[in-house]
Amino acid sequence: MSEKVCIVGIAGGTASGKTTIVRRIKEKFGDDIVVINHDSYYKAHDDLSYEDRSRLNYDHPASFDTDLMIADVKKLKNNEEIDMPVYDYTVHNRSDATVHVVPKKVIIVEGILILENKELRDLMDIKVFVETDADERLMRRIRRDMVERARSIDSILTQYSETVKPMHEQFVEPSKKYADIIIPRGGENLTGISILQEHLNLVLSNGAGH
């Protein structure tokens, strides 16, 4: 297989609607697309206790093994298969499991900080930033973390004020300037999602790439 692989980056703040947009794209294109999440590449911290791991700043670029992600994206772009790491939120650590990923025509790279890193950014053919009001993102994060990650509202709000919000202002928001497409209001913006889907439709029908 030698067809060109198109790399699409989808960034944006926590709970901005990135996952909803990725899901809608996957629903439309199915097996032509594979998704790689930056969260899967959180660094392993086997040397730390659960309590110490829970206090780490997970919203700083240094908390990710982005070099490994870059190496994996390069492999996928070169039509090579990878074994993507798996991160377990319940223990704040990388799992022993991996997910075998076969390259597809379109690779979606998703995460809050994927446009912050120049080397990773330069691998992307299309860069998308999902922009959603900060209050709305906080409400969504509270709902998500209480339901999906069994966290208390106190721990969610403490983490948000101490690391999530300052890191968003320092790293996430400034990376918006690198985006080719900005989708305001996240998953609610059906027109914005439709425009992105149509662009990907053209990419796929033309054999991927520009």
N, C-alpha and C. Protein backbone atom coordinates (compact mmCIF):
# COMPACT_ATOMS: atom_id res chain seq x y z
N MET A 1 0.84 -1.18 0.00
CA MET A 1 0.00 0.00 0.00
C MET A 1 0.88 1.24 0.00
N SER A 2 0.71 2.12 -0.97
CA SER A 2 1.59 3.27 -1.07
C SER A 2 0.83 4.59 -1.15
N GLU A 3 -0.50 4.54 -0.93
CA GLU A 3 -1.26 5.79 -1.04
C GLU A 3 -0.88 6.75 0.08
N LYS A 4 -1.04 8.03 -0.19
CA LYS A 4 -0.66 9.06 0.77
C LYS A 4 -1.63 9.07 1.95
N VAL A 5 -1.07 9.25 3.12
CA VAL A 5 -1.86 9.32 4.34
C VAL A 5 -2.03 10.79 4.72
N CYS A 6 -3.26 11.19 5.06
CA CYS A 6 -3.55 12.56 5.46
C CYS A 6 -3.67 12.62 6.98
N ILE A 7 -2.89 13.50 7.61
CA ILE A 7 -2.91 13.66 9.07
C ILE A 7 -3.73 14.90 9.42
N VAL A 8 -4.79 14.70 10.23
CA VAL A 8 -5.66 15.80 10.66
C VAL A 8 -5.49 15.99 12.17
N GLY A 9 -5.08 17.19 12.59
CA GLY A 9 -4.96 17.49 14.01
C GLY A 9 -6.21 18.18 14.51
N ILE A 10 -6.79 17.69 15.63
CA ILE A 10 -7.96 18.34 16.22
C ILE A 10 -7.61 18.70 17.67
N ALA A 11 -7.43 20.02 17.92
CA ALA A 11 -7.04 20.52 19.23
C ALA A 11 -8.17 21.36 19.82
N GLY A 12 -7.96 21.84 21.03
CA GLY A 12 -8.95 22.66 21.71
C GLY A 12 -8.88 22.39 23.21
N GLY A 13 -9.47 23.26 24.01
CA GLY A 13 -9.41 23.11 25.45
C GLY A 13 -10.12 21.87 25.97
N THR A 14 -9.93 21.59 27.25
CA THR A 14 -10.60 20.46 27.88
C THR A 14 -12.11 20.57 27.69
N ALA A 15 -12.76 19.46 27.34
CA ALA A 15 -14.22 19.39 27.20
C ALA A 15 -14.77 20.43 26.21
N SER A 16 -13.99 20.74 25.18
CA SER A 16 -14.44 21.73 24.18
C SER A 16 -15.34 21.12 23.12
N GLY A 17 -15.37 19.79 23.04
CA GLY A 17 -16.19 19.12 22.03
C GLY A 17 -15.36 18.37 20.99
N LYS A 18 -14.06 18.22 21.26
CA LYS A 18 -13.18 17.51 20.31
C LYS A 18 -13.67 16.09 20.06
N THR A 19 -14.02 15.39 21.15
CA THR A 19 -14.43 13.99 21.02
C THR A 19 -15.71 13.87 20.21
N THR A 20 -16.65 14.80 20.41
CA THR A 20 -17.91 14.78 19.65
C THR A 20 -17.63 14.97 18.16
N ILE A 21 -16.75 15.89 17.83
CA ILE A 21 -16.42 16.15 16.42
C ILE A 21 -15.73 14.93 15.81
N VAL A 22 -14.80 14.35 16.55
CA VAL A 22 -14.11 13.14 16.06
C VAL A 22 -15.13 12.02 15.83
N ARG A 23 -16.08 11.87 16.76
CA ARG A 23 -17.09 10.81 16.62
C ARG A 23 -17.96 11.02 15.38
N ARG A 24 -18.35 12.28 15.14
CA ARG A 24 -19.17 12.56 13.96
C ARG A 24 -18.40 12.28 12.67
N ILE A 25 -17.12 12.59 12.65
CA ILE A 25 -16.30 12.31 11.47
C ILE A 25 -16.18 10.80 11.27
N LYS A 26 -15.95 10.07 12.37
CA LYS A 26 -15.84 8.61 12.30
C LYS A 26 -17.14 7.99 11.81
N GLU A 27 -18.27 8.53 12.26
CA GLU A 27 -19.57 8.01 11.83
C GLU A 27 -19.73 8.15 10.32
N LYS A 28 -19.22 9.23 9.77
CA LYS A 28 -19.36 9.49 8.34
C LYS A 28 -18.40 8.65 7.49
N PHE A 29 -17.16 8.50 7.98
CA PHE A 29 -16.14 7.87 7.14
C PHE A 29 -15.75 6.46 7.57
N GLY A 30 -16.15 6.07 8.78
CA GLY A 30 -15.95 4.69 9.22
C GLY A 30 -14.51 4.21 9.14
N ASP A 31 -14.30 3.15 8.37
CA ASP A 31 -13.02 2.46 8.35
C ASP A 31 -11.91 3.20 7.61
N ASP A 32 -12.23 4.33 6.97
CA ASP A 32 -11.19 5.10 6.28
C ASP A 32 -10.38 5.96 7.25
N ILE A 33 -10.80 6.00 8.52
CA ILE A 33 -10.19 6.91 9.49
C ILE A 33 -9.77 6.16 10.74
N VAL A 34 -8.62 6.54 11.30
CA VAL A 34 -8.21 6.02 12.60
C VAL A 34 -7.84 7.21 13.48
N VAL A 35 -8.12 7.10 14.79
CA VAL A 35 -7.91 8.21 15.72
C VAL A 35 -6.79 7.87 16.70
N ILE A 36 -5.86 8.83 16.86
CA ILE A 36 -4.78 8.71 17.83
C ILE A 36 -4.95 9.82 18.85
N ASN A 37 -5.11 9.47 20.13
CA ASN A 37 -5.32 10.46 21.18
C ASN A 37 -4.02 10.79 21.90
N HIS A 38 -3.76 12.08 22.08
CA HIS A 38 -2.56 12.51 22.82
C HIS A 38 -2.60 11.97 24.24
N ASP A 39 -3.81 11.86 24.83
CA ASP A 39 -3.95 11.36 26.20
C ASP A 39 -3.38 9.95 26.37
N SER A 40 -3.38 9.18 25.29
CA SER A 40 -2.83 7.82 25.36
C SER A 40 -1.33 7.86 25.62
N TYR A 41 -0.71 9.00 25.35
CA TYR A 41 0.74 9.14 25.44
C TYR A 41 1.19 9.88 26.70
N TYR A 42 0.33 9.91 27.73
CA TYR A 42 0.80 10.41 29.02
C TYR A 42 1.99 9.56 29.46
N LYS A 43 2.97 10.19 30.05
CA LYS A 43 4.16 9.45 30.51
C LYS A 43 3.78 8.47 31.61
N ALA A 44 4.47 7.33 31.64
CA ALA A 44 4.28 6.35 32.71
C ALA A 44 5.00 6.86 33.96
N HIS A 45 4.38 6.60 35.12
CA HIS A 45 5.00 7.02 36.40
C HIS A 45 4.94 5.86 37.38
N ASP A 46 5.55 4.74 36.99
CA ASP A 46 5.54 3.55 37.85
C ASP A 46 6.31 3.78 39.15
N ASP A 47 7.19 4.78 39.15
CA ASP A 47 8.03 5.05 40.32
C ASP A 47 7.31 5.84 41.41
N LEU A 48 6.13 6.38 41.08
CA LEU A 48 5.40 7.22 42.03
C LEU A 48 4.20 6.49 42.64
N SER A 49 3.82 6.90 43.85
CA SER A 49 2.62 6.34 44.47
C SER A 49 1.38 6.93 43.80
N TYR A 50 0.23 6.31 44.05
CA TYR A 50 -1.03 6.82 43.49
C TYR A 50 -1.25 8.27 43.92
N GLU A 51 -0.99 8.56 45.20
CA GLU A 51 -1.20 9.92 45.73
C GLU A 51 -0.31 10.92 44.99
N ASP A 52 0.95 10.54 44.79
CA ASP A 52 1.88 11.44 44.08
C ASP A 52 1.46 11.62 42.62
N ARG A 53 1.03 10.54 42.00
CA ARG A 53 0.59 10.62 40.60
C ARG A 53 -0.64 11.52 40.47
N SER A 54 -1.54 11.45 41.46
CA SER A 54 -2.78 12.23 41.38
C SER A 54 -2.50 13.73 41.50
N ARG A 55 -1.32 14.08 42.03
CA ARG A 55 -1.00 15.50 42.21
C ARG A 55 -0.19 16.09 41.05
N LEU A 56 0.13 15.29 40.06
CA LEU A 56 0.92 15.78 38.92
C LEU A 56 0.10 16.74 38.06
N ASN A 57 0.79 17.60 37.35
CA ASN A 57 0.14 18.53 36.43
C ASN A 57 -0.02 17.85 35.06
N TYR A 58 -1.24 17.38 34.78
CA TYR A 58 -1.48 16.63 33.54
C TYR A 58 -1.83 17.53 32.35
N ASP A 59 -1.76 18.84 32.56
CA ASP A 59 -2.11 19.77 31.48
C ASP A 59 -0.90 20.52 30.95
N HIS A 60 0.29 20.13 31.40
CA HIS A 60 1.53 20.74 30.92
C HIS A 60 2.11 19.86 29.81
N PRO A 61 2.70 20.47 28.77
CA PRO A 61 3.28 19.66 27.68
C PRO A 61 4.26 18.59 28.16
N ALA A 62 4.96 18.85 29.26
CA ALA A 62 5.96 17.90 29.76
C ALA A 62 5.35 16.61 30.30
N SER A 63 4.02 16.60 30.53
CA SER A 63 3.39 15.39 31.07
C SER A 63 3.15 14.33 29.99
N PHE A 64 3.37 14.71 28.74
CA PHE A 64 3.15 13.79 27.61
C PHE A 64 4.46 13.28 27.04
N ASP A 65 4.45 12.03 26.59
CA ASP A 65 5.59 11.49 25.83
C ASP A 65 5.33 11.82 24.36
N THR A 66 5.43 13.11 24.03
CA THR A 66 5.10 13.56 22.67
C THR A 66 6.10 13.04 21.65
N ASP A 67 7.35 12.80 22.09
CA ASP A 67 8.36 12.24 21.16
C ASP A 67 7.91 10.88 20.64
N LEU A 68 7.33 10.07 21.53
CA LEU A 68 6.82 8.75 21.11
C LEU A 68 5.65 8.91 20.15
N MET A 69 4.78 9.88 20.44
CA MET A 69 3.63 10.11 19.56
C MET A 69 4.12 10.56 18.18
N ILE A 70 5.10 11.44 18.14
CA ILE A 70 5.65 11.92 16.86
C ILE A 70 6.22 10.74 16.07
N ALA A 71 6.96 9.87 16.77
CA ALA A 71 7.54 8.69 16.10
C ALA A 71 6.44 7.80 15.53
N ASP A 72 5.35 7.63 16.30
CA ASP A 72 4.24 6.78 15.85
C ASP A 72 3.50 7.41 14.66
N VAL A 73 3.27 8.73 14.72
CA VAL A 73 2.58 9.39 13.60
C VAL A 73 3.43 9.30 12.33
N LYS A 74 4.75 9.44 12.48
CA LYS A 74 5.64 9.31 11.32
C LYS A 74 5.54 7.91 10.71
N LYS A 75 5.46 6.90 11.58
CA LYS A 75 5.32 5.52 11.09
C LYS A 75 4.00 5.36 10.33
N LEU A 76 2.91 5.86 10.92
CA LEU A 76 1.60 5.74 10.27
C LEU A 76 1.60 6.48 8.93
N LYS A 77 2.25 7.64 8.90
CA LYS A 77 2.33 8.43 7.67
C LYS A 77 3.12 7.68 6.60
N ASN A 78 4.02 6.80 7.08
CA ASN A 78 4.85 5.99 6.19
C ASN A 78 4.21 4.62 5.93
N ASN A 79 2.90 4.51 6.27
CA ASN A 79 2.14 3.27 6.10
C ASN A 79 2.67 2.09 6.92
N GLU A 80 3.23 2.40 8.09
CA GLU A 80 3.69 1.35 9.00
C GLU A 80 2.70 1.23 10.17
N GLU A 81 2.51 0.01 10.68
CA GLU A 81 1.62 -0.21 11.81
C GLU A 81 2.33 0.15 13.13
N ILE A 82 1.53 0.52 14.15
CA ILE A 82 2.10 0.87 15.46
C ILE A 82 1.34 0.16 16.58
N ASP A 83 1.94 0.15 17.77
CA ASP A 83 1.25 -0.29 18.98
C ASP A 83 1.14 0.92 19.90
N MET A 84 -0.08 1.48 19.95
CA MET A 84 -0.31 2.72 20.71
C MET A 84 -0.48 2.41 22.19
N PRO A 85 0.17 3.20 23.07
CA PRO A 85 -0.01 2.95 24.51
C PRO A 85 -1.45 3.21 24.96
N VAL A 86 -1.78 2.70 26.14
CA VAL A 86 -3.12 2.89 26.73
C VAL A 86 -2.92 3.53 28.10
N TYR A 87 -3.69 4.59 28.37
CA TYR A 87 -3.58 5.27 29.66
C TYR A 87 -4.81 4.97 30.51
N ASP A 88 -4.58 4.64 31.78
CA ASP A 88 -5.67 4.31 32.70
C ASP A 88 -5.90 5.47 33.67
N TYR A 89 -6.99 6.22 33.45
CA TYR A 89 -7.28 7.40 34.27
C TYR A 89 -7.55 7.04 35.73
N THR A 90 -8.06 5.82 35.97
CA THR A 90 -8.46 5.46 37.33
C THR A 90 -7.25 5.31 38.25
N VAL A 91 -6.07 5.02 37.68
CA VAL A 91 -4.85 4.89 38.51
C VAL A 91 -3.81 5.94 38.15
N HIS A 92 -4.17 6.88 37.26
CA HIS A 92 -3.24 7.94 36.84
C HIS A 92 -1.92 7.36 36.33
N ASN A 93 -2.00 6.34 35.50
CA ASN A 93 -0.76 5.75 34.99
C ASN A 93 -1.00 5.02 33.68
N ARG A 94 0.09 4.78 32.97
CA ARG A 94 -0.02 4.04 31.71
C ARG A 94 -0.29 2.57 32.01
N SER A 95 -1.17 1.99 31.22
CA SER A 95 -1.52 0.57 31.37
C SER A 95 -0.44 -0.30 30.72
N ASP A 96 -0.45 -1.59 31.04
CA ASP A 96 0.47 -2.52 30.36
C ASP A 96 -0.02 -2.85 28.95
N ALA A 97 -1.29 -2.55 28.69
CA ALA A 97 -1.88 -2.89 27.39
C ALA A 97 -1.44 -1.90 26.31
N THR A 98 -1.55 -2.33 25.06
CA THR A 98 -1.36 -1.42 23.92
C THR A 98 -2.48 -1.70 22.91
N VAL A 99 -2.69 -0.78 21.98
CA VAL A 99 -3.68 -0.96 20.93
C VAL A 99 -2.94 -0.99 19.59
N HIS A 100 -3.14 -2.07 18.85
CA HIS A 100 -2.49 -2.18 17.54
C HIS A 100 -3.24 -1.31 16.53
N VAL A 101 -2.51 -0.41 15.88
CA VAL A 101 -3.13 0.54 14.95
C VAL A 101 -2.58 0.32 13.55
N VAL A 102 -3.50 0.10 12.61
CA VAL A 102 -3.14 -0.07 11.21
C VAL A 102 -3.38 1.27 10.50
N PRO A 103 -2.42 1.74 9.68
CA PRO A 103 -2.62 3.04 9.02
C PRO A 103 -3.84 3.06 8.11
N LYS A 104 -4.51 4.19 8.06
CA LYS A 104 -5.67 4.40 7.19
C LYS A 104 -5.41 5.62 6.32
N LYS A 105 -6.37 5.92 5.45
CA LYS A 105 -6.21 7.10 4.56
C LYS A 105 -6.10 8.38 5.37
N VAL A 106 -6.90 8.47 6.45
CA VAL A 106 -6.90 9.67 7.28
C VAL A 106 -6.59 9.27 8.73
N ILE A 107 -5.57 9.93 9.31
CA ILE A 107 -5.23 9.73 10.71
C ILE A 107 -5.62 10.99 11.45
N ILE A 108 -6.54 10.88 12.43
CA ILE A 108 -6.90 12.03 13.26
C ILE A 108 -6.05 11.99 14.53
N VAL A 109 -5.32 13.07 14.77
CA VAL A 109 -4.52 13.22 15.99
C VAL A 109 -5.28 14.21 16.88
N GLU A 110 -5.69 13.76 18.07
CA GLU A 110 -6.60 14.57 18.90
C GLU A 110 -6.00 14.82 20.28
N GLY A 111 -6.16 16.07 20.79
CA GLY A 111 -5.67 16.38 22.13
C GLY A 111 -5.59 17.88 22.37
N ILE A 112 -5.51 18.26 23.66
CA ILE A 112 -5.54 19.69 23.98
C ILE A 112 -4.27 20.41 23.50
N LEU A 113 -3.15 19.68 23.45
CA LEU A 113 -1.86 20.35 23.22
C LEU A 113 -1.19 19.95 21.91
N ILE A 114 -1.91 19.32 21.00
CA ILE A 114 -1.24 18.79 19.80
C ILE A 114 -0.74 19.87 18.86
N LEU A 115 -1.29 21.09 18.94
CA LEU A 115 -0.80 22.17 18.08
C LEU A 115 0.32 22.96 18.77
N GLU A 116 0.60 22.64 20.03
CA GLU A 116 1.62 23.37 20.79
C GLU A 116 3.03 22.94 20.36
N ASN A 117 3.16 21.68 19.93
CA ASN A 117 4.47 21.13 19.57
C ASN A 117 4.73 21.29 18.07
N LYS A 118 5.79 22.00 17.72
CA LYS A 118 6.03 22.31 16.30
C LYS A 118 6.30 21.06 15.47
N GLU A 119 7.09 20.13 16.01
CA GLU A 119 7.43 18.93 15.24
C GLU A 119 6.17 18.10 14.94
N LEU A 120 5.29 17.99 15.94
CA LEU A 120 4.04 17.26 15.74
C LEU A 120 3.13 18.02 14.78
N ARG A 121 3.05 19.33 14.98
CA ARG A 121 2.22 20.20 14.13
C ARG A 121 2.63 20.10 12.66
N ASP A 122 3.93 20.04 12.43
CA ASP A 122 4.43 20.02 11.05
C ASP A 122 4.11 18.73 10.31
N LEU A 123 3.70 17.69 11.04
CA LEU A 123 3.31 16.42 10.40
C LEU A 123 1.88 16.47 9.88
N MET A 124 1.12 17.50 10.30
CA MET A 124 -0.31 17.55 9.99
C MET A 124 -0.59 18.23 8.66
N ASP A 125 -1.54 17.67 7.92
CA ASP A 125 -1.99 18.27 6.66
C ASP A 125 -3.11 19.29 6.91
N ILE A 126 -3.93 19.03 7.93
CA ILE A 126 -5.03 19.94 8.29
C ILE A 126 -4.99 20.11 9.81
N LYS A 127 -5.05 21.36 10.28
CA LYS A 127 -5.02 21.63 11.72
C LYS A 127 -6.32 22.33 12.12
N VAL A 128 -7.04 21.71 13.07
CA VAL A 128 -8.36 22.20 13.51
C VAL A 128 -8.28 22.59 14.98
N PHE A 129 -8.89 23.71 15.34
CA PHE A 129 -9.00 24.10 16.75
C PHE A 129 -10.48 24.25 17.09
N VAL A 130 -10.91 23.55 18.14
CA VAL A 130 -12.30 23.59 18.58
C VAL A 130 -12.40 24.59 19.72
N GLU A 131 -13.20 25.64 19.53
CA GLU A 131 -13.26 26.74 20.49
C GLU A 131 -14.62 26.77 21.17
N THR A 132 -14.62 26.64 22.50
CA THR A 132 -15.87 26.64 23.27
C THR A 132 -15.69 27.51 24.51
N ASP A 133 -16.75 28.22 24.90
CA ASP A 133 -16.74 29.10 26.06
C ASP A 133 -16.21 28.38 27.31
N ALA A 134 -15.38 29.08 28.08
CA ALA A 134 -14.71 28.48 29.23
C ALA A 134 -15.70 27.94 30.27
N ASP A 135 -16.80 28.66 30.54
CA ASP A 135 -17.79 28.19 31.53
C ASP A 135 -18.44 26.90 31.05
N GLU A 136 -18.73 26.84 29.77
CA GLU A 136 -19.34 25.64 29.21
C GLU A 136 -18.38 24.45 29.31
N ARG A 137 -17.10 24.70 29.04
CA ARG A 137 -16.11 23.62 29.13
C ARG A 137 -15.97 23.11 30.56
N LEU A 138 -16.00 24.02 31.53
CA LEU A 138 -15.90 23.61 32.94
C LEU A 138 -17.09 22.76 33.34
N MET A 139 -18.29 23.17 32.95
CA MET A 139 -19.49 22.38 33.29
C MET A 139 -19.41 20.98 32.69
N ARG A 140 -18.99 20.91 31.42
CA ARG A 140 -18.86 19.61 30.77
C ARG A 140 -17.81 18.74 31.46
N ARG A 141 -16.70 19.37 31.87
CA ARG A 141 -15.63 18.61 32.52
C ARG A 141 -16.10 18.05 33.87
N ILE A 142 -16.85 18.86 34.61
CA ILE A 142 -17.38 18.38 35.90
C ILE A 142 -18.27 17.16 35.68
N ARG A 143 -19.19 17.27 34.72
CA ARG A 143 -20.09 16.14 34.43
C ARG A 143 -19.29 14.90 34.01
N ARG A 144 -18.34 15.10 33.10
CA ARG A 144 -17.56 13.96 32.58
C ARG A 144 -16.74 13.29 33.68
N ASP A 145 -16.00 14.10 34.46
CA ASP A 145 -15.10 13.51 35.46
C ASP A 145 -15.86 12.85 36.60
N MET A 146 -17.05 13.37 36.95
CA MET A 146 -17.84 12.73 38.01
C MET A 146 -18.40 11.39 37.52
N VAL A 147 -18.87 11.36 36.28
CA VAL A 147 -19.51 10.15 35.76
C VAL A 147 -18.50 9.12 35.27
N GLU A 148 -17.54 9.57 34.43
CA GLU A 148 -16.64 8.62 33.77
C GLU A 148 -15.40 8.29 34.60
N ARG A 149 -15.00 9.22 35.48
CA ARG A 149 -13.72 9.01 36.18
C ARG A 149 -13.89 8.97 37.70
N ALA A 150 -15.16 8.95 38.14
CA ALA A 150 -15.49 8.78 39.56
C ALA A 150 -14.75 9.76 40.46
N ARG A 151 -14.66 11.02 40.03
CA ARG A 151 -13.95 12.02 40.83
C ARG A 151 -14.94 12.91 41.58
N SER A 152 -14.50 13.42 42.72
CA SER A 152 -15.37 14.32 43.51
C SER A 152 -15.34 15.71 42.88
N ILE A 153 -16.40 16.48 43.15
CA ILE A 153 -16.46 17.84 42.58
C ILE A 153 -15.34 18.70 43.14
N ASP A 154 -14.96 18.49 44.41
CA ASP A 154 -13.85 19.26 44.99
C ASP A 154 -12.55 19.00 44.25
N SER A 155 -12.26 17.73 43.97
CA SER A 155 -11.01 17.40 43.28
C SER A 155 -11.00 17.95 41.85
N ILE A 156 -12.17 17.93 41.21
CA ILE A 156 -12.28 18.44 39.83
C ILE A 156 -12.02 19.95 39.81
N LEU A 157 -12.65 20.67 40.74
CA LEU A 157 -12.50 22.13 40.76
C LEU A 157 -11.10 22.55 41.19
N THR A 158 -10.50 21.81 42.12
CA THR A 158 -9.12 22.11 42.54
C THR A 158 -8.17 21.94 41.36
N GLN A 159 -8.30 20.80 40.66
CA GLN A 159 -7.44 20.55 39.51
C GLN A 159 -7.65 21.61 38.43
N TYR A 160 -8.90 21.99 38.23
CA TYR A 160 -9.21 22.98 37.19
C TYR A 160 -8.54 24.32 37.50
N SER A 161 -8.66 24.78 38.76
CA SER A 161 -8.12 26.10 39.10
C SER A 161 -6.60 26.11 39.21
N GLU A 162 -6.03 24.97 39.64
CA GLU A 162 -4.57 24.93 39.86
C GLU A 162 -3.78 24.63 38.59
N THR A 163 -4.32 23.77 37.72
CA THR A 163 -3.54 23.39 36.53
C THR A 163 -4.28 23.56 35.21
N VAL A 164 -5.54 23.13 35.13
CA VAL A 164 -6.24 23.12 33.84
C VAL A 164 -6.36 24.53 33.26
N LYS A 165 -6.90 25.47 34.06
CA LYS A 165 -7.12 26.83 33.57
C LYS A 165 -5.81 27.55 33.26
N PRO A 166 -4.82 27.57 34.19
CA PRO A 166 -3.56 28.26 33.85
C PRO A 166 -2.83 27.65 32.66
N MET A 167 -2.86 26.31 32.54
CA MET A 167 -2.17 25.67 31.40
C MET A 167 -2.90 25.96 30.09
N HIS A 168 -4.25 26.06 30.18
CA HIS A 168 -5.01 26.41 28.97
C HIS A 168 -4.58 27.80 28.49
N GLU A 169 -4.48 28.74 29.45
CA GLU A 169 -4.12 30.11 29.07
C GLU A 169 -2.68 30.21 28.59
N GLN A 170 -1.80 29.37 29.15
CA GLN A 170 -0.38 29.45 28.79
C GLN A 170 -0.04 28.70 27.50
N PHE A 171 -0.69 27.55 27.28
CA PHE A 171 -0.28 26.68 26.17
C PHE A 171 -1.35 26.41 25.12
N VAL A 172 -2.59 26.14 25.58
CA VAL A 172 -3.63 25.68 24.65
C VAL A 172 -4.14 26.84 23.79
N GLU A 173 -4.61 27.89 24.45
CA GLU A 173 -5.18 29.03 23.73
C GLU A 173 -4.19 29.65 22.73
N PRO A 174 -2.91 29.86 23.10
CA PRO A 174 -1.97 30.43 22.13
C PRO A 174 -1.74 29.55 20.90
N SER A 175 -1.97 28.22 21.03
CA SER A 175 -1.73 27.32 19.88
C SER A 175 -2.82 27.45 18.82
N LYS A 176 -3.91 28.16 19.16
CA LYS A 176 -5.03 28.34 18.20
C LYS A 176 -4.55 29.03 16.93
N LYS A 177 -3.54 29.87 17.05
CA LYS A 177 -3.07 30.63 15.88
C LYS A 177 -2.51 29.74 14.77
N TYR A 178 -2.18 28.49 15.11
CA TYR A 178 -1.63 27.58 14.10
C TYR A 178 -2.72 26.84 13.32
N ALA A 179 -3.97 26.98 13.75
CA ALA A 179 -5.06 26.21 13.13
C ALA A 179 -5.41 26.73 11.74
N ASP A 180 -5.74 25.80 10.84
CA ASP A 180 -6.25 26.15 9.51
C ASP A 180 -7.76 26.40 9.58
N ILE A 181 -8.43 25.65 10.47
CA ILE A 181 -9.89 25.73 10.63
C ILE A 181 -10.19 25.87 12.12
N ILE A 182 -11.02 26.86 12.48
CA ILE A 182 -11.48 27.01 13.87
C ILE A 182 -12.98 26.71 13.89
N ILE A 183 -13.39 25.80 14.77
CA ILE A 183 -14.81 25.44 14.89
C ILE A 183 -15.32 25.96 16.23
N PRO A 184 -16.04 27.10 16.23
CA PRO A 184 -16.60 27.61 17.49
C PRO A 184 -17.75 26.72 17.97
N ARG A 185 -17.98 26.70 19.29
CA ARG A 185 -19.09 25.99 19.94
C ARG A 185 -18.98 24.47 19.85
N GLY A 186 -17.84 23.98 19.43
CA GLY A 186 -17.59 22.53 19.48
C GLY A 186 -18.59 21.68 18.72
N GLY A 187 -19.03 20.59 19.38
CA GLY A 187 -19.89 19.61 18.73
C GLY A 187 -21.26 20.12 18.34
N GLU A 188 -21.66 21.29 18.88
CA GLU A 188 -22.96 21.87 18.52
C GLU A 188 -22.93 22.54 17.15
N ASN A 189 -21.71 22.82 16.65
CA ASN A 189 -21.57 23.57 15.40
C ASN A 189 -21.64 22.61 14.21
N LEU A 190 -22.86 22.26 13.83
CA LEU A 190 -23.05 21.27 12.77
C LEU A 190 -22.53 21.78 11.42
N THR A 191 -22.62 23.10 11.20
CA THR A 191 -22.13 23.66 9.94
C THR A 191 -20.61 23.53 9.86
N GLY A 192 -19.93 23.87 10.96
CA GLY A 192 -18.47 23.75 10.99
C GLY A 192 -18.02 22.31 10.79
N ILE A 193 -18.71 21.37 11.45
CA ILE A 193 -18.37 19.95 11.31
C ILE A 193 -18.61 19.51 9.87
N SER A 194 -19.71 19.96 9.28
CA SER A 194 -20.04 19.60 7.90
C SER A 194 -18.98 20.09 6.92
N ILE A 195 -18.47 21.31 7.15
CA ILE A 195 -17.40 21.84 6.28
C ILE A 195 -16.15 20.98 6.39
N LEU A 196 -15.80 20.58 7.61
CA LEU A 196 -14.64 19.72 7.82
C LEU A 196 -14.86 18.35 7.16
N GLN A 197 -16.07 17.80 7.30
CA GLN A 197 -16.38 16.51 6.67
C GLN A 197 -16.26 16.59 5.16
N GLU A 198 -16.76 17.70 4.58
CA GLU A 198 -16.67 17.85 3.12
C GLU A 198 -15.23 17.95 2.65
N HIS A 199 -14.42 18.65 3.43
CA HIS A 199 -12.99 18.77 3.08
C HIS A 199 -12.33 17.39 3.11
N LEU A 200 -12.65 16.62 4.15
CA LEU A 200 -12.09 15.26 4.24
C LEU A 200 -12.62 14.36 3.12
N ASN A 201 -13.86 14.60 2.73
CA ASN A 201 -14.43 13.85 1.61
C ASN A 201 -13.60 14.08 0.35
N LEU A 202 -13.24 15.34 0.11
CA LEU A 202 -12.40 15.66 -1.04
C LEU A 202 -11.04 14.99 -0.93
N VAL A 203 -10.46 15.05 0.26
CA VAL A 203 -9.15 14.44 0.50
C VAL A 203 -9.21 12.94 0.19
N LEU A 204 -10.24 12.28 0.71
CA LEU A 204 -10.36 10.83 0.51
C LEU A 204 -10.62 10.48 -0.96
N SER A 205 -11.47 11.27 -1.61
CA SER A 205 -11.80 10.96 -3.02
C SER A 205 -10.62 11.25 -3.94
N ASN A 206 -9.70 12.11 -3.49
CA ASN A 206 -8.52 12.42 -4.30
C ASN A 206 -7.31 11.58 -3.93
N GLY A 207 -7.55 10.56 -3.10
CA GLY A 207 -6.45 9.66 -2.75
C GLY A 207 -5.61 10.17 -1.60
N ALA A 208 -6.17 11.10 -0.80
CA ALA A 208 -5.54 11.65 0.42
C ALA A 208 -4.46 12.66 0.08
N GLY A 209 -4.15 13.45 1.11
CA GLY A 209 -3.15 14.50 0.94
C GLY A 209 -3.72 15.72 0.25
N HIS A 210 -2.88 16.72 0.01
CA HIS A 210 -3.34 17.95 -0.65
C HIS A 210 -3.52 17.69 -2.13
